[in-house]
Amino acid sequence: MILFWGSKGYQKELGHTQTAIECGHCNNVDTWEIVETGRKFTLYWIPLFPYGKSYFVSCPICHYGKEIEKSEVESFLNY
C-alpha cells in the first residue's frame, strides 16, 4: 500500500488593526493586516491538522511587518 503524505502552507487573514499605523518602509498610514500563517499535515492531499502557527502584522501596501505573539493578536484587533 502506498501512502501519500506531506504538508501544505496556508495563510489566513484574521482582520485589520483598529487604528492606523505608519509604515516605516513605505510611509503609508493605514490599518494593518493581521495574518496567521502555518503548515497543515496532509494525508492523500487532505489537510488533517495544523502545526507551526505564527502571527504577523503587516502593511497592506508593501507587506512590510513583524511577527507577533498569539497573545498580542487580540490587543491589535481590539486596540
Protein backbone atom coordinates (compact mmCIF):
# COMPACT_ATOMS: atom_id res chain seq x y z
CA MET A 1 0.00 0.00 0.00
CA ILE A 2 1.31 3.42 -0.93
CA LEU A 3 0.80 6.33 1.47
CA PHE A 4 0.82 9.88 0.16
CA TRP A 5 1.56 12.30 2.97
CA GLY A 6 3.10 15.73 3.21
CA SER A 7 2.43 19.27 4.30
CA LYS A 8 0.92 22.38 2.84
CA GLY A 9 1.41 26.01 3.83
CA TYR A 10 -1.52 28.30 4.50
CA GLN A 11 -2.17 31.95 5.23
CA LYS A 12 -5.34 33.20 6.91
CA GLU A 13 -6.24 36.88 7.33
CA LEU A 14 -7.63 37.48 10.82
CA GLY A 15 -8.60 41.12 10.36
CA HIS A 16 -7.16 44.62 10.50
CA THR A 17 -5.85 46.76 13.32
CA GLN A 18 -8.40 49.20 14.71
CA THR A 19 -6.05 52.19 14.44
CA ALA A 20 -3.92 53.45 11.58
CA ILE A 21 -0.19 52.71 11.81
CA GLU A 22 2.57 54.44 9.84
CA CYS A 23 4.74 52.03 7.87
CA GLY A 24 8.46 52.58 8.36
CA HIS A 25 9.17 51.16 4.91
CA CYS A 26 6.73 52.94 2.53
CA ASN A 27 5.46 55.72 4.88
CA ASN A 28 1.84 54.70 4.23
CA VAL A 29 -0.61 55.43 7.07
CA ASP A 30 -3.36 52.81 7.13
CA THR A 31 -4.80 49.97 9.20
CA TRP A 32 -2.51 46.93 9.05
CA GLU A 33 -3.43 43.33 8.27
CA ILE A 34 -3.18 40.65 10.95
CA VAL A 35 -2.30 37.29 9.42
CA GLU A 36 -1.91 33.73 10.73
CA THR A 37 0.50 31.51 8.78
CA GLY A 38 1.44 27.90 9.28
CA ARG A 39 1.52 24.44 7.80
CA LYS A 40 -1.01 21.60 7.69
CA PHE A 41 -0.15 17.90 7.68
CA THR A 42 -1.81 16.18 4.71
CA LEU A 43 -2.69 12.56 4.02
CA TYR A 44 -3.76 11.80 0.46
CA TRP A 45 -3.86 15.57 -0.18
CA ILE A 46 -6.45 16.06 2.59
CA PRO A 47 -5.32 18.60 5.24
CA LEU A 48 -5.68 16.98 8.67
CA PHE A 49 -4.21 19.23 11.35
CA PRO A 50 -2.24 22.50 11.53
CA TYR A 51 1.20 22.92 13.09
CA GLY A 52 3.85 25.62 13.23
CA LYS A 53 1.49 28.58 13.54
CA SER A 54 2.88 32.10 13.60
CA TYR A 55 1.22 35.51 13.56
CA PHE A 56 2.20 38.67 11.69
CA VAL A 57 1.01 42.26 11.44
CA SER A 58 1.88 43.82 8.07
CA CYS A 59 1.38 46.90 5.91
CA PRO A 60 -1.35 46.30 3.27
CA ILE A 61 0.64 48.19 0.61
CA CYS A 62 4.24 46.88 0.78
CA HIS A 63 3.66 43.92 3.20
CA TYR A 64 6.44 45.11 5.50
CA GLY A 65 5.71 43.92 9.02
CA LYS A 66 6.75 41.96 12.03
CA GLU A 67 5.97 38.71 13.79
CA ILE A 68 3.79 39.00 16.89
CA GLU A 69 2.88 36.60 19.68
CA LYS A 70 -0.51 34.89 19.79
CA SER A 71 -1.33 36.84 22.97
CA GLU A 72 -0.83 40.13 21.07
CA VAL A 73 -3.36 39.31 18.33
CA GLU A 74 -6.39 40.26 20.45
CA SER A 75 -4.82 43.54 21.53
CA PHE A 76 -4.17 44.51 17.88
CA LEU A 77 -7.72 43.57 16.85
CA ASN A 78 -9.34 45.45 19.76
CA TYR A 79 -6.90 48.36 20.08
